[in-house]
Amino acid sequence: MNVQKENLVIALSDAGFSQEAIEKAERLWEAGRARDLIRHLRLCRCELMDILHESQKRVDRVDTLIRQTEKTMETK
C-alpha cells in the first residue's frame, strides 16, 4: 500500500470514520480523483463538526445544571 494512502486510511480510522467512508476515500485516491477525494474529506469533516457541536450543546446543558444545583444548594 502506498504510504500516503496508508496514512489517509489510518487518519480516517483514527478519526472514527466508518469502514464505508474509509473505503470510499481509498477508491477515490486509487482513481486519482483528487477533487472528489477532497469533497469527500470535507463532508467527513462536516460530520465531525456536527458531532462536536452536538457534544458542546450537551456539555452546556450539564454546565447549566451544575450552576443551577450550586445556586439551589447555596440557598439551603
C-alpha atoms as a PDB file:
ATOM      1  CA  MET A   1       0.000   0.000   0.000  1.00  0.00           C
ATOM      2  CA  ASN A   2       1.217   3.487  -0.853  1.00  0.00           C
ATOM      3  CA  VAL A   3       2.470   5.311   2.269  1.00  0.00           C
ATOM      4  CA  GLN A   4       0.312   8.371   1.599  1.00  0.00           C
ATOM      5  CA  LYS A   5      -2.790   6.247   1.056  1.00  0.00           C
ATOM      6  CA  GLU A   6      -1.962   4.252   4.178  1.00  0.00           C
ATOM      7  CA  ASN A   7      -1.667   7.496   6.164  1.00  0.00           C
ATOM      8  CA  LEU A   8      -5.045   8.588   4.793  1.00  0.00           C
ATOM      9  CA  VAL A   9      -6.636   5.309   5.880  1.00  0.00           C
ATOM     10  CA  ILE A  10      -5.034   5.483   9.335  1.00  0.00           C
ATOM     11  CA  ALA A  11      -6.107   9.106   9.840  1.00  0.00           C
ATOM     12  CA  LEU A  12      -9.720   8.400   8.866  1.00  0.00           C
ATOM     13  CA  SER A  13      -9.759   5.313  11.044  1.00  0.00           C
ATOM     14  CA  ASP A  14      -8.302   7.246  13.994  1.00  0.00           C
ATOM     15  CA  ALA A  15     -10.968   9.902  13.454  1.00  0.00           C
ATOM     16  CA  GLY A  16     -13.606   7.191  13.896  1.00  0.00           C
ATOM     17  CA  PHE A  17     -14.996   7.025  10.383  1.00  0.00           C
ATOM     18  CA  SER A  18     -16.906   4.027   9.129  1.00  0.00           C
ATOM     19  CA  GLN A  19     -15.272   1.379   7.022  1.00  0.00           C
ATOM     20  CA  GLU A  20     -17.520   2.529   4.174  1.00  0.00           C
ATOM     21  CA  ALA A  21     -16.187   6.108   4.341  1.00  0.00           C
ATOM     22  CA  ILE A  22     -12.617   4.860   4.528  1.00  0.00           C
ATOM     23  CA  GLU A  23     -13.080   2.543   1.546  1.00  0.00           C
ATOM     24  CA  LYS A  24     -14.618   5.358  -0.471  1.00  0.00           C
ATOM     25  CA  ALA A  25     -11.610   7.554   0.265  1.00  0.00           C
ATOM     26  CA  GLU A  26      -9.300   4.709  -0.768  1.00  0.00           C
ATOM     27  CA  ARG A  27     -11.165   4.225  -4.066  1.00  0.00           C
ATOM     28  CA  LEU A  28     -11.031   7.935  -4.840  1.00  0.00           C
ATOM     29  CA  TRP A  29      -7.317   8.017  -4.017  1.00  0.00           C
ATOM     30  CA  GLU A  30      -6.603   4.999  -6.215  1.00  0.00           C
ATOM     31  CA  ALA A  31      -8.602   6.520  -9.082  1.00  0.00           C
ATOM     32  CA  GLY A  32      -6.633   9.750  -8.809  1.00  0.00           C
ATOM     33  CA  ARG A  33      -9.840  11.725  -8.283  1.00  0.00           C
ATOM     34  CA  ALA A  34      -8.355  14.441  -6.079  1.00  0.00           C
ATOM     35  CA  ARG A  35     -11.316  16.823  -6.290  1.00  0.00           C
ATOM     36  CA  ASP A  36     -13.766  14.097  -5.336  1.00  0.00           C
ATOM     37  CA  LEU A  37     -11.496  12.927  -2.519  1.00  0.00           C
ATOM     38  CA  ILE A  38     -11.264  16.477  -1.158  1.00  0.00           C
ATOM     39  CA  ARG A  39     -15.045  16.810  -1.384  1.00  0.00           C
ATOM     40  CA  HIS A  40     -15.438  13.503   0.473  1.00  0.00           C
ATOM     41  CA  LEU A  41     -12.966  14.595   3.161  1.00  0.00           C
ATOM     42  CA  ARG A  42     -14.819  17.895   3.569  1.00  0.00           C
ATOM     43  CA  LEU A  43     -18.073  16.001   4.038  1.00  0.00           C
ATOM     44  CA  CYS A  44     -16.358  13.806   6.613  1.00  0.00           C
ATOM     45  CA  ARG A  45     -15.144  16.950   8.363  1.00  0.00           C
ATOM     46  CA  CYS A  46     -18.666  18.375   8.382  1.00  0.00           C
ATOM     47  CA  GLU A  47     -19.919  15.202  10.030  1.00  0.00           C
ATOM     48  CA  LEU A  48     -17.282  15.565  12.732  1.00  0.00           C
ATOM     49  CA  MET A  49     -18.196  19.206  13.261  1.00  0.00           C
ATOM     50  CA  ASP A  50     -21.871  18.273  13.649  1.00  0.00           C
ATOM     51  CA  ILE A  51     -20.898  15.737  16.304  1.00  0.00           C
ATOM     52  CA  LEU A  52     -18.687  18.324  18.011  1.00  0.00           C
ATOM     53  CA  HIS A  53     -21.473  20.910  18.091  1.00  0.00           C
ATOM     54  CA  GLU A  54     -23.979  18.421  19.466  1.00  0.00           C
ATOM     55  CA  SER A  55     -21.497  17.386  22.147  1.00  0.00           C
ATOM     56  CA  GLN A  56     -20.918  21.034  23.030  1.00  0.00           C
ATOM     57  CA  LYS A  57     -24.671  21.544  23.454  1.00  0.00           C
ATOM     58  CA  ARG A  58     -24.809  18.591  25.850  1.00  0.00           C
ATOM     59  CA  VAL A  59     -21.858  19.949  27.834  1.00  0.00           C
ATOM     60  CA  ASP A  60     -23.564  23.351  28.026  1.00  0.00           C
ATOM     61  CA  ARG A  61     -26.716  21.700  29.378  1.00  0.00           C
ATOM     62  CA  VAL A  62     -24.743  19.922  32.071  1.00  0.00           C
ATOM     63  CA  ASP A  63     -22.934  23.167  32.958  1.00  0.00           C
ATOM     64  CA  THR A  64     -26.330  24.833  33.360  1.00  0.00           C
ATOM     65  CA  LEU A  65     -27.491  22.017  35.648  1.00  0.00           C
ATOM     66  CA  ILE A  66     -24.329  22.360  37.715  1.00  0.00           C
ATOM     67  CA  ARG A  67     -24.827  26.125  38.132  1.00  0.00           C
ATOM     68  CA  GLN A  68     -28.500  25.685  38.991  1.00  0.00           C
ATOM     69  CA  THR A  69     -27.709  22.974  41.518  1.00  0.00           C
ATOM     70  CA  GLU A  70     -24.964  25.072  43.109  1.00  0.00           C
ATOM     71  CA  LYS A  71     -27.370  28.033  43.473  1.00  0.00           C
ATOM     72  CA  THR A  72     -30.070  25.797  44.901  1.00  0.00           C
ATOM     73  CA  MET A  73     -27.702  24.227  47.423  1.00  0.00           C
ATOM     74  CA  GLU A  74     -26.273  27.606  48.470  1.00  0.00           C
ATOM     75  CA  THR A  75     -29.721  28.900  49.419  1.00  0.00           C
ATOM     76  CA  LYS A  76     -30.471  25.907  51.674  1.00  0.00           C
END
